[in-house]
Amino acid sequence: MYVKFENLPDHSRIWIYQSDRKFSKAEVDLISEKLKDFVQNWEAHTKPLKASFLIKYDHFIILAVDEEFNRVSGCSLDTGTDFIKEIEEEFQVKLLNRMLTAFKLGNEVNIVNLSRFKEMTESGEINKNTEVFNNLIENKKEFNTLWEVKVSESWHKRYLI
């Protein structure tokens, strides 16, 4: 059952899928339609999930579920992953590659592999104040407060010299 993202409680569980490239406006519109249809019909053992989504910065797909309404099951997680794989295939984009890191230089979102990220910290292109995206967050409250943080406040700090 689709609900607006802002209407989900802070404890709602979050999954973040980071694209290896920026989506076009047309792609965002099409993906949004597909996401709305998916979350509208997303279930766990025939029970509807109270779910929503966001597409942020034309790079990130965020799925959210209020697990106090109905809990997500292993099968429903698999259904979500299968849906994301369909998006990957249809739009020729990678959303499940956890070896990519996203950060901002100015207002621009950049996506690089971890080895390049480390090189950029060593060269000073990325420093403790660079904003990064912590895609390891688990709920909406963390999404609102800990998703976009400085390198020094995230797991990325291990790459600082």
Foldseek 3Di string as FASTA:
>chain_A
DEDEPVPADFFWWKAKFFKQDAADPVLVVVVQVVQRVCLVPQDAPPHHWHKYWDQPPSTMIMITTRCVRPHHDPVSVVVVVVSVVVSCVVVVIHGPPPQWWWWDDPNDIHIDGPVVVLVCLVVVVADQQTWTAASPDTTNNCVVPPGTGGCVRHPNVVSHD
